[in-house]
Amino acid sequence: MLLLKNATIVDPGSKLNGKRRDILIQGGKIHSIKTKIESAKGSTWDLTGACVSIGWMDIATQVGDPGLEH
């Protein structure tokens, strides 16, 4: 279980866009998003000043055979 505290949500299609909320993640999926979630078992991260959004990926990832054989 992971609790993200004070995360600013970035999702233009959502009524939560730009709002600061707590996000509880269980089993790798979002379980709840609320104004305040009390401490849960597991890890708690304070994300004050940070944003969460959908669709992030590392576009600089290099894929290839070990040793970079060409």
PDB file of N, CA and C in Angstrom:
ATOM      1  N   MET A   1       0.841  -1.162   0.000  1.00  0.00           N
ATOM      2  CA  MET A   1       0.000   0.000   0.000  1.00  0.00           C
ATOM      3  C   MET A   1       0.896   1.239   0.000  1.00  0.00           C
ATOM      4  N   LEU A   2       0.531   2.211  -0.798  1.00  0.00           N
ATOM      5  CA  LEU A   2       1.288   3.456  -0.925  1.00  0.00           C
ATOM      6  C   LEU A   2       0.324   4.627  -0.816  1.00  0.00           C
ATOM      7  N   LEU A   3       0.652   5.586   0.036  1.00  0.00           N
ATOM      8  CA  LEU A   3      -0.167   6.775   0.199  1.00  0.00           C
ATOM      9  C   LEU A   3       0.630   7.982  -0.283  1.00  0.00           C
ATOM     10  N   LEU A   4       0.107   8.660  -1.292  1.00  0.00           N
ATOM     11  CA  LEU A   4       0.720   9.881  -1.820  1.00  0.00           C
ATOM     12  C   LEU A   4      -0.036  11.065  -1.221  1.00  0.00           C
ATOM     13  N   LYS A   5       0.639  11.862  -0.408  1.00  0.00           N
ATOM     14  CA  LYS A   5       0.006  12.983   0.280  1.00  0.00           C
ATOM     15  C   LYS A   5       0.259  14.277  -0.485  1.00  0.00           C
ATOM     16  N   ASN A   6      -0.732  15.146  -0.548  1.00  0.00           N
ATOM     17  CA  ASN A   6      -0.604  16.509  -1.080  1.00  0.00           C
ATOM     18  C   ASN A   6      -0.158  16.570  -2.543  1.00  0.00           C
ATOM     19  N   ALA A   7      -0.589  15.627  -3.354  1.00  0.00           N
ATOM     20  CA  ALA A   7      -0.218  15.603  -4.764  1.00  0.00           C
ATOM     21  C   ALA A   7      -1.128  16.535  -5.567  1.00  0.00           C
ATOM     22  N   THR A   8      -0.541  17.333  -6.444  1.00  0.00           N
ATOM     23  CA  THR A   8      -1.339  18.163  -7.348  1.00  0.00           C
ATOM     24  C   THR A   8      -1.654  17.339  -8.585  1.00  0.00           C
ATOM     25  N   ILE A   9      -2.928  17.186  -8.889  1.00  0.00           N
ATOM     26  CA  ILE A   9      -3.372  16.344 -10.000  1.00  0.00           C
ATOM     27  C   ILE A   9      -3.399  17.167 -11.285  1.00  0.00           C
ATOM     28  N   VAL A  10      -2.778  16.616 -12.340  1.00  0.00           N
ATOM     29  CA  VAL A  10      -2.767  17.255 -13.659  1.00  0.00           C
ATOM     30  C   VAL A  10      -3.494  16.322 -14.619  1.00  0.00           C
ATOM     31  N   ASP A  11      -4.737  16.660 -14.922  1.00  0.00           N
ATOM     32  CA  ASP A  11      -5.567  15.895 -15.855  1.00  0.00           C
ATOM     33  C   ASP A  11      -6.665  16.829 -16.362  1.00  0.00           C
ATOM     34  N   PRO A  12      -6.424  17.501 -17.498  1.00  0.00           N
ATOM     35  CA  PRO A  12      -7.385  18.489 -17.995  1.00  0.00           C
ATOM     36  C   PRO A  12      -8.803  17.962 -18.184  1.00  0.00           C
ATOM     37  N   GLY A  13      -8.971  16.662 -18.344  1.00  0.00           N
ATOM     38  CA  GLY A  13     -10.296  16.094 -18.546  1.00  0.00           C
ATOM     39  C   GLY A  13     -11.012  15.736 -17.250  1.00  0.00           C
ATOM     40  N   SER A  14     -10.403  16.049 -16.107  1.00  0.00           N
ATOM     41  CA  SER A  14     -10.975  15.666 -14.827  1.00  0.00           C
ATOM     42  C   SER A  14     -11.389  16.884 -14.012  1.00  0.00           C
ATOM     43  N   LYS A  15     -12.409  16.718 -13.187  1.00  0.00           N
ATOM     44  CA  LYS A  15     -12.817  17.794 -12.288  1.00  0.00           C
ATOM     45  C   LYS A  15     -11.775  18.023 -11.195  1.00  0.00           C
ATOM     46  N   LEU A  16     -10.817  17.107 -11.047  1.00  0.00           N
ATOM     47  CA  LEU A  16      -9.753  17.240 -10.047  1.00  0.00           C
ATOM     48  C   LEU A  16      -8.519  17.967 -10.579  1.00  0.00           C
ATOM     49  N   ASN A  17      -8.537  18.369 -11.842  1.00  0.00           N
ATOM     50  CA  ASN A  17      -7.377  19.036 -12.440  1.00  0.00           C
ATOM     51  C   ASN A  17      -6.974  20.263 -11.613  1.00  0.00           C
ATOM     52  N   GLY A  18      -5.691  20.310 -11.245  1.00  0.00           N
ATOM     53  CA  GLY A  18      -5.151  21.436 -10.493  1.00  0.00           C
ATOM     54  C   GLY A  18      -5.426  21.386  -9.003  1.00  0.00           C
ATOM     55  N   LYS A  19      -6.133  20.377  -8.538  1.00  0.00           N
ATOM     56  CA  LYS A  19      -6.453  20.256  -7.116  1.00  0.00           C
ATOM     57  C   LYS A  19      -5.395  19.420  -6.398  1.00  0.00           C
ATOM     58  N   ARG A  20      -5.180  19.720  -5.125  1.00  0.00           N
ATOM     59  CA  ARG A  20      -4.242  18.957  -4.307  1.00  0.00           C
ATOM     60  C   ARG A  20      -5.030  17.910  -3.530  1.00  0.00           C
ATOM     61  N   ARG A  21      -4.660  16.651  -3.681  1.00  0.00           N
ATOM     62  CA  ARG A  21      -5.374  15.543  -3.052  1.00  0.00           C
ATOM     63  C   ARG A  21      -4.392  14.491  -2.538  1.00  0.00           C
ATOM     64  N   ASP A  22      -4.889  13.603  -1.666  1.00  0.00           N
ATOM     65  CA  ASP A  22      -4.173  12.410  -1.232  1.00  0.00           C
ATOM     66  C   ASP A  22      -4.641  11.259  -2.106  1.00  0.00           C
ATOM     67  N   ILE A  23      -3.709  10.400  -2.499  1.00  0.00           N
ATOM     68  CA  ILE A  23      -4.017   9.279  -3.390  1.00  0.00           C
ATOM     69  C   ILE A  23      -3.547   7.987  -2.722  1.00  0.00           C
ATOM     70  N   LEU A  24      -4.455   7.042  -2.539  1.00  0.00           N
ATOM     71  CA  LEU A  24      -4.121   5.751  -1.947  1.00  0.00           C
ATOM     72  C   LEU A  24      -4.024   4.711  -3.059  1.00  0.00           C
ATOM     73  N   ILE A  25      -2.876   4.030  -3.119  1.00  0.00           N
ATOM     74  CA  ILE A  25      -2.631   3.008  -4.144  1.00  0.00           C
ATOM     75  C   ILE A  25      -2.526   1.655  -3.452  1.00  0.00           C
ATOM     76  N   GLN A  26      -3.315   0.700  -3.916  1.00  0.00           N
ATOM     77  CA  GLN A  26      -3.288  -0.668  -3.395  1.00  0.00           C
ATOM     78  C   GLN A  26      -3.210  -1.636  -4.564  1.00  0.00           C
ATOM     79  N   GLY A  27      -2.307  -2.585  -4.482  1.00  0.00           N
ATOM     80  CA  GLY A  27      -2.175  -3.582  -5.537  1.00  0.00           C
ATOM     81  C   GLY A  27      -1.828  -2.982  -6.890  1.00  0.00           C
ATOM     82  N   GLY A  28      -1.112  -1.851  -6.887  1.00  0.00           N
ATOM     83  CA  GLY A  28      -0.697  -1.222  -8.133  1.00  0.00           C
ATOM     84  C   GLY A  28      -1.772  -0.397  -8.820  1.00  0.00           C
ATOM     85  N   LYS A  29      -2.934  -0.230  -8.164  1.00  0.00           N
ATOM     86  CA  LYS A  29      -4.030   0.549  -8.752  1.00  0.00           C
ATOM     87  C   LYS A  29      -4.504   1.604  -7.756  1.00  0.00           C
ATOM     88  N   ILE A  30      -5.019   2.696  -8.287  1.00  0.00           N
ATOM     89  CA  ILE A  30      -5.553   3.740  -7.426  1.00  0.00           C
ATOM     90  C   ILE A  30      -6.802   3.212  -6.730  1.00  0.00           C
ATOM     91  N   HIS A  31      -6.791   3.251  -5.413  1.00  0.00           N
ATOM     92  CA  HIS A  31      -7.921   2.779  -4.611  1.00  0.00           C
ATOM     93  C   HIS A  31      -8.854   3.932  -4.266  1.00  0.00           C
ATOM     94  N   SER A  32      -8.268   5.095  -3.890  1.00  0.00           N
ATOM     95  CA  SER A  32      -9.109   6.253  -3.597  1.00  0.00           C
ATOM     96  C   SER A  32      -8.315   7.546  -3.718  1.00  0.00           C
ATOM     97  N   ILE A  33      -9.038   8.606  -4.030  1.00  0.00           N
ATOM     98  CA  ILE A  33      -8.494   9.963  -4.099  1.00  0.00           C
ATOM     99  C   ILE A  33      -9.412  10.828  -3.248  1.00  0.00           C
ATOM    100  N   LYS A  34      -8.850  11.412  -2.190  1.00  0.00           N
ATOM    101  CA  LYS A  34      -9.642  12.219  -1.268  1.00  0.00           C
ATOM    102  C   LYS A  34      -8.852  13.444  -0.833  1.00  0.00           C
ATOM    103  N   THR A  35      -9.555  14.408  -0.253  1.00  0.00           N
ATOM    104  CA  THR A  35      -8.901  15.603   0.267  1.00  0.00           C
ATOM    105  C   THR A  35      -7.914  15.239   1.362  1.00  0.00           C
ATOM    106  N   LYS A  36      -8.294  14.316   2.229  1.00  0.00           N
ATOM    107  CA  LYS A  36      -7.400  13.879   3.302  1.00  0.00           C
ATOM    108  C   LYS A  36      -7.633  12.411   3.576  1.00  0.00           C
ATOM    109  N   ILE A  37      -6.552  11.629   3.483  1.00  0.00           N
ATOM    110  CA  ILE A  37      -6.591  10.217   3.826  1.00  0.00           C
ATOM    111  C   ILE A  37      -5.641  10.041   5.000  1.00  0.00           C
ATOM    112  N   GLU A  38      -6.126   9.455   6.061  1.00  0.00           N
ATOM    113  CA  GLU A  38      -5.279   9.227   7.239  1.00  0.00           C
ATOM    114  C   GLU A  38      -4.186   8.233   6.882  1.00  0.00           C
ATOM    115  N   SER A  39      -3.097   8.288   7.619  1.00  0.00           N
ATOM    116  CA  SER A  39      -1.953   7.414   7.368  1.00  0.00           C
ATOM    117  C   SER A  39      -2.397   5.967   7.244  1.00  0.00           C
ATOM    118  N   ALA A  40      -1.863   5.306   6.255  1.00  0.00           N
ATOM    119  CA  ALA A  40      -2.201   3.914   5.992  1.00  0.00           C
ATOM    120  C   ALA A  40      -0.986   3.035   6.263  1.00  0.00           C
ATOM    121  N   LYS A  41      -1.222   1.741   6.373  1.00  0.00           N
ATOM    122  CA  LYS A  41      -0.109   0.804   6.496  1.00  0.00           C
ATOM    123  C   LYS A  41       0.675   0.847   5.194  1.00  0.00           C
ATOM    124  N   GLY A  42       1.992   0.781   5.288  1.00  0.00           N
ATOM    125  CA  GLY A  42       2.825   0.846   4.095  1.00  0.00           C
ATOM    126  C   GLY A  42       3.559   2.167   4.019  1.00  0.00           C
ATOM    127  N   SER A  43       3.980   2.540   2.834  1.00  0.00           N
ATOM    128  CA  SER A  43       4.770   3.755   2.624  1.00  0.00           C
ATOM    129  C   SER A  43       3.878   4.971   2.446  1.00  0.00           C
ATOM    130  N   THR A  44       4.345   6.100   2.958  1.00  0.00           N
ATOM    131  CA  THR A  44       3.673   7.382   2.757  1.00  0.00           C
ATOM    132  C   THR A  44       4.690   8.358   2.190  1.00  0.00           C
ATOM    133  N   TRP A  45       4.357   8.974   1.069  1.00  0.00           N
ATOM    134  CA  TRP A  45       5.233   9.963   0.430  1.00  0.00           C
ATOM    135  C   TRP A  45       4.526  11.304   0.440  1.00  0.00           C
ATOM    136  N   ASP A  46       5.230  12.349   0.873  1.00  0.00           N
ATOM    137  CA  ASP A  46       4.690  13.699   0.828  1.00  0.00           C
ATOM    138  C   ASP A  46       5.097  14.322  -0.508  1.00  0.00           C
ATOM    139  N   LEU A  47       4.129  14.598  -1.356  1.00  0.00           N
ATOM    140  CA  LEU A  47       4.392  15.131  -2.689  1.00  0.00           C
ATOM    141  C   LEU A  47       4.085  16.622  -2.793  1.00  0.00           C
ATOM    142  N   THR A  48       4.168  17.347  -1.687  1.00  0.00           N
ATOM    143  CA  THR A  48       3.938  18.785  -1.715  1.00  0.00           C
ATOM    144  C   THR A  48       4.867  19.417  -2.747  1.00  0.00           C
ATOM    145  N   GLY A  49       4.299  20.156  -3.690  1.00  0.00           N
ATOM    146  CA  GLY A  49       5.084  20.793  -4.749  1.00  0.00           C
ATOM    147  C   GLY A  49       5.288  19.923  -5.977  1.00  0.00           C
ATOM    148  N   ALA A  50       4.821  18.682  -5.935  1.00  0.00           N
ATOM    149  CA  ALA A  50       4.964  17.772  -7.072  1.00  0.00           C
ATOM    150  C   ALA A  50       3.597  17.511  -7.704  1.00  0.00           C
ATOM    151  N   CYS A  51       3.619  17.087  -8.952  1.00  0.00           N
ATOM    152  CA  CYS A  51       2.384  16.809  -9.695  1.00  0.00           C
ATOM    153  C   CYS A  51       2.304  15.332 -10.045  1.00  0.00           C
ATOM    154  N   VAL A  52       1.085  14.833 -10.162  1.00  0.00           N
ATOM    155  CA  VAL A  52       0.852  13.483 -10.681  1.00  0.00           C
ATOM    156  C   VAL A  52      -0.081  13.605 -11.882  1.00  0.00           C
ATOM    157  N   SER A  53       0.163  12.769 -12.880  1.00  0.00           N
ATOM    158  CA  SER A  53      -0.682  12.772 -14.069  1.00  0.00           C
ATOM    159  C   SER A  53      -0.578  11.420 -14.751  1.00  0.00           C
ATOM    160  N   ILE A  54      -1.385  11.229 -15.750  1.00  0.00           N
ATOM    161  CA  ILE A  54      -1.360   9.983 -16.508  1.00  0.00           C
ATOM    162  C   ILE A  54      -0.382  10.102 -17.676  1.00  0.00           C
ATOM    163  N   GLY A  55       0.083   8.973 -18.166  1.00  0.00           N
ATOM    164  CA  GLY A  55       0.795   8.925 -19.428  1.00  0.00           C
ATOM    165  C   GLY A  55       2.272   9.262 -19.435  1.00  0.00           C
ATOM    166  N   TRP A  56       2.954   9.243 -18.295  1.00  0.00           N
ATOM    167  CA  TRP A  56       4.393   9.535 -18.303  1.00  0.00           C
ATOM    168  C   TRP A  56       5.162   8.333 -18.810  1.00  0.00           C
ATOM    169  N   MET A  57       6.210   8.604 -19.577  1.00  0.00           N
ATOM    170  CA  MET A  57       7.102   7.547 -20.055  1.00  0.00           C
ATOM    171  C   MET A  57       8.468   8.147 -20.345  1.00  0.00           C
ATOM    172  N   ASP A  58       9.483   7.310 -20.356  1.00  0.00           N
ATOM    173  CA  ASP A  58      10.849   7.749 -20.615  1.00  0.00           C
ATOM    174  C   ASP A  58      11.134   7.574 -22.100  1.00  0.00           C
ATOM    175  N   ILE A  59      11.118   8.678 -22.863  1.00  0.00           N
ATOM    176  CA  ILE A  59      11.330   8.578 -24.312  1.00  0.00           C
ATOM    177  C   ILE A  59      12.810   8.454 -24.678  1.00  0.00           C
ATOM    178  N   ALA A  60      13.696   8.513 -23.691  1.00  0.00           N
ATOM    179  CA  ALA A  60      15.123   8.376 -23.963  1.00  0.00           C
ATOM    180  C   ALA A  60      15.619   6.954 -23.715  1.00  0.00           C
ATOM    181  N   THR A  61      14.712   6.020 -23.505  1.00  0.00           N
ATOM    182  CA  THR A  61      15.095   4.635 -23.242  1.00  0.00           C
ATOM    183  C   THR A  61      15.749   4.041 -24.491  1.00  0.00           C
ATOM    184  N   GLN A  62      16.857   3.356 -24.292  1.00  0.00           N
ATOM    185  CA  GLN A  62      17.558   2.692 -25.383  1.00  0.00           C
ATOM    186  C   GLN A  62      17.233   1.194 -25.344  1.00  0.00           C
ATOM    187  N   VAL A  63      16.821   0.658 -26.463  1.00  0.00           N
ATOM    188  CA  VAL A  63      16.489  -0.754 -26.553  1.00  0.00           C
ATOM    189  C   VAL A  63      17.423  -1.390 -27.574  1.00  0.00           C
ATOM    190  N   GLY A  64      18.022  -2.501 -27.213  1.00  0.00           N
ATOM    191  CA  GLY A  64      18.907  -3.187 -28.143  1.00  0.00           C
ATOM    192  C   GLY A  64      19.523  -4.418 -27.489  1.00  0.00           C
ATOM    193  N   ASP A  65      20.295  -5.130 -28.267  1.00  0.00           N
ATOM    194  CA  ASP A  65      20.976  -6.319 -27.740  1.00  0.00           C
ATOM    195  C   ASP A  65      22.072  -5.897 -26.770  1.00  0.00           C
ATOM    196  N   PRO A  66      22.368  -6.738 -25.803  1.00  0.00           N
ATOM    197  CA  PRO A  66      23.502  -6.438 -24.913  1.00  0.00           C
ATOM    198  C   PRO A  66      24.777  -6.239 -25.734  1.00  0.00           C
ATOM    199  N   GLY A  67      25.555  -5.253 -25.408  1.00  0.00           N
ATOM    200  CA  GLY A  67      26.783  -4.974 -26.152  1.00  0.00           C
ATOM    201  C   GLY A  67      26.569  -4.072 -27.347  1.00  0.00           C
ATOM    202  N   LEU A  68      25.348  -3.705 -27.624  1.00  0.00           N
ATOM    203  CA  LEU A  68      24.992  -2.809 -28.733  1.00  0.00           C
ATOM    204  C   LEU A  68      25.477  -3.301 -30.097  1.00  0.00           C
ATOM    205  N   GLU A  69      25.323  -4.612 -30.333  1.00  0.00           N
ATOM    206  CA  GLU A  69      25.667  -5.132 -31.660  1.00  0.00           C
ATOM    207  C   GLU A  69      24.749  -4.505 -32.701  1.00  0.00           C
ATOM    208  N   HIS A  70      25.304  -4.100 -33.820  1.00  0.00           N
ATOM    209  CA  HIS A  70      24.503  -3.472 -34.869  1.00  0.00           C
ATOM    210  C   HIS A  70      24.497  -4.331 -36.101  1.00  0.00           C
TER     211      HIS A  70
END
